[in-house]
Protein backbone atom coordinates (compact mmCIF):
# COMPACT_ATOMS: atom_id res chain seq x y z
CA MET A 1 0.00 0.00 0.00
CA ALA A 2 1.36 3.42 -0.97
CA THR A 3 1.10 6.75 0.82
CA GLY A 4 -0.21 9.67 -1.20
CA PHE A 5 1.25 13.16 -1.06
CA ALA A 6 -1.03 16.01 -2.12
CA TYR A 7 1.19 19.06 -2.49
CA SER A 8 1.50 22.03 -4.79
CA GLU A 9 4.28 24.61 -5.03
CA GLU A 10 1.44 27.13 -5.17
CA PHE A 11 0.79 26.49 -1.45
CA LEU A 12 3.85 28.68 -0.87
CA ASN A 13 1.95 31.66 -2.34
CA HIS A 14 0.01 32.07 0.91
CA GLN A 15 2.18 34.70 2.59
CA PRO A 16 0.65 35.60 5.98
CA GLY A 17 3.83 37.22 7.31
CA SER A 18 7.19 35.98 8.51
CA GLN A 19 6.05 35.41 12.10
CA HIS A 20 2.74 33.68 11.36
CA PRO A 21 2.66 29.89 12.01
CA GLU A 22 1.17 29.22 8.57
CA ARG A 23 4.06 30.85 6.70
CA PRO A 24 5.71 29.09 3.73
CA ALA A 25 8.75 28.18 5.84
CA ARG A 26 6.54 25.65 7.65
CA LEU A 27 5.86 23.77 4.42
CA LEU A 28 9.46 24.04 3.31
CA ALA A 29 10.57 22.51 6.62
CA ILE A 30 8.18 19.59 6.09
CA LEU A 31 9.47 19.04 2.57
CA GLU A 32 13.06 19.16 3.79
CA GLY A 33 12.29 16.66 6.55
CA LEU A 34 10.70 14.28 4.04
CA GLU A 35 13.74 14.60 1.77
CA GLN A 36 16.29 14.13 4.56
CA SER A 37 14.49 11.09 5.94
CA GLY A 38 14.25 9.51 2.49
CA LEU A 39 10.46 9.28 2.75
CA ARG A 40 9.71 11.72 -0.07
CA GLN A 41 10.78 9.24 -2.76
CA SER A 42 8.31 6.63 -1.50
CA LEU A 43 5.30 8.96 -1.61
CA VAL A 44 2.86 8.87 -4.50
CA ALA A 45 2.30 12.39 -5.82
CA LEU A 46 -1.39 13.24 -6.04
CA PRO A 47 -2.31 15.97 -8.54
CA VAL A 48 -3.77 19.04 -6.88
CA GLU A 49 -6.24 21.40 -8.49
CA PRO A 50 -8.38 24.14 -6.95
CA VAL A 51 -11.96 23.15 -6.21
CA GLU A 52 -15.01 25.12 -7.24
CA SER A 53 -16.25 27.44 -4.51
CA LYS A 54 -19.42 25.34 -4.18
CA TRP A 55 -17.37 22.76 -2.24
CA VAL A 56 -16.14 25.40 0.19
CA LEU A 57 -19.73 26.49 0.70
CA THR A 58 -20.60 23.07 2.10
CA VAL A 59 -18.72 24.03 5.29
CA HIS A 60 -18.47 27.85 5.19
CA SER A 61 -21.19 30.47 4.75
CA GLN A 62 -21.45 32.57 1.61
CA PRO A 63 -20.81 35.80 3.57
CA TYR A 64 -17.59 34.34 5.03
CA VAL A 65 -16.33 33.23 1.61
CA CYS A 66 -17.18 36.64 0.15
CA ARG A 67 -15.32 38.40 2.99
CA LEU A 68 -12.27 36.25 2.33
CA GLN A 69 -12.39 36.92 -1.42
CA SER A 70 -12.77 40.65 -0.80
CA ALA A 71 -9.97 40.79 1.77
CA CYS A 72 -7.61 39.04 -0.66
CA HIS A 73 -8.68 41.18 -3.61
CA GLU A 74 -8.23 44.38 -1.61
CA GLY A 75 -4.84 43.30 -0.27
CA LEU A 76 -5.94 43.45 3.36
CA PRO A 77 -3.49 41.97 5.88
CA TYR A 78 -6.08 39.81 7.65
CA LEU A 79 -9.66 38.57 7.66
CA ASP A 80 -11.70 39.62 10.71
CA THR A 81 -8.79 39.35 13.21
CA PRO A 82 -4.98 39.53 13.02
CA ASP A 83 -4.88 35.80 13.80
CA CYS A 84 -6.36 35.15 10.35
CA ALA A 85 -3.66 36.69 8.16
CA VAL A 86 -4.25 36.74 4.41
CA CYS A 87 -2.56 37.97 1.26
CA PRO A 88 -3.75 38.40 -2.34
CA ASP A 89 -3.08 34.70 -3.08
CA THR A 90 -4.76 33.27 0.02
CA TYR A 91 -8.15 32.57 -1.55
CA ARG A 92 -6.71 30.58 -4.46
CA THR A 93 -4.35 28.79 -2.08
CA ALA A 94 -7.32 27.84 0.08
CA LEU A 95 -9.13 26.40 -2.94
CA LEU A 96 -5.98 24.40 -3.75
CA ALA A 97 -5.76 23.14 -0.17
CA VAL A 98 -9.36 21.95 -0.30
CA GLY A 99 -8.56 20.33 -3.63
CA ALA A 100 -5.62 18.53 -2.00
CA CYS A 101 -7.84 17.24 0.79
CA THR A 102 -10.56 16.02 -1.52
CA ARG A 103 -7.97 14.40 -3.81
CA ALA A 104 -6.47 12.58 -0.81
CA VAL A 105 -9.91 11.36 0.31
CA ASP A 106 -10.72 10.19 -3.22
CA ALA A 107 -7.40 8.32 -3.37
CA VAL A 108 -8.15 6.53 -0.10
CA MET A 109 -11.64 5.62 -1.20
């Protein structure tokens, strides 16, 4: 049985600030750890594509999704509170992340 790996370089486009826990350095550290351990070569790459917003709306309200889209479009530094840092690429990155999750679930099923 193989282990899938749903990843996209585009995940690094979410730039919430250098001190935020969700910064790209977190993903780069994971990738480096997988490489150094030798595990990366044994993972099966799963293609990642952004989902349609209708899938996001199954768990988030339309007003929330609209606020996120607007915050990203306007270049605001965060959505609602400073804990929820965003950048212009955050919305697309979120759609990609949901796509990665659904791809992983489909692969398991």
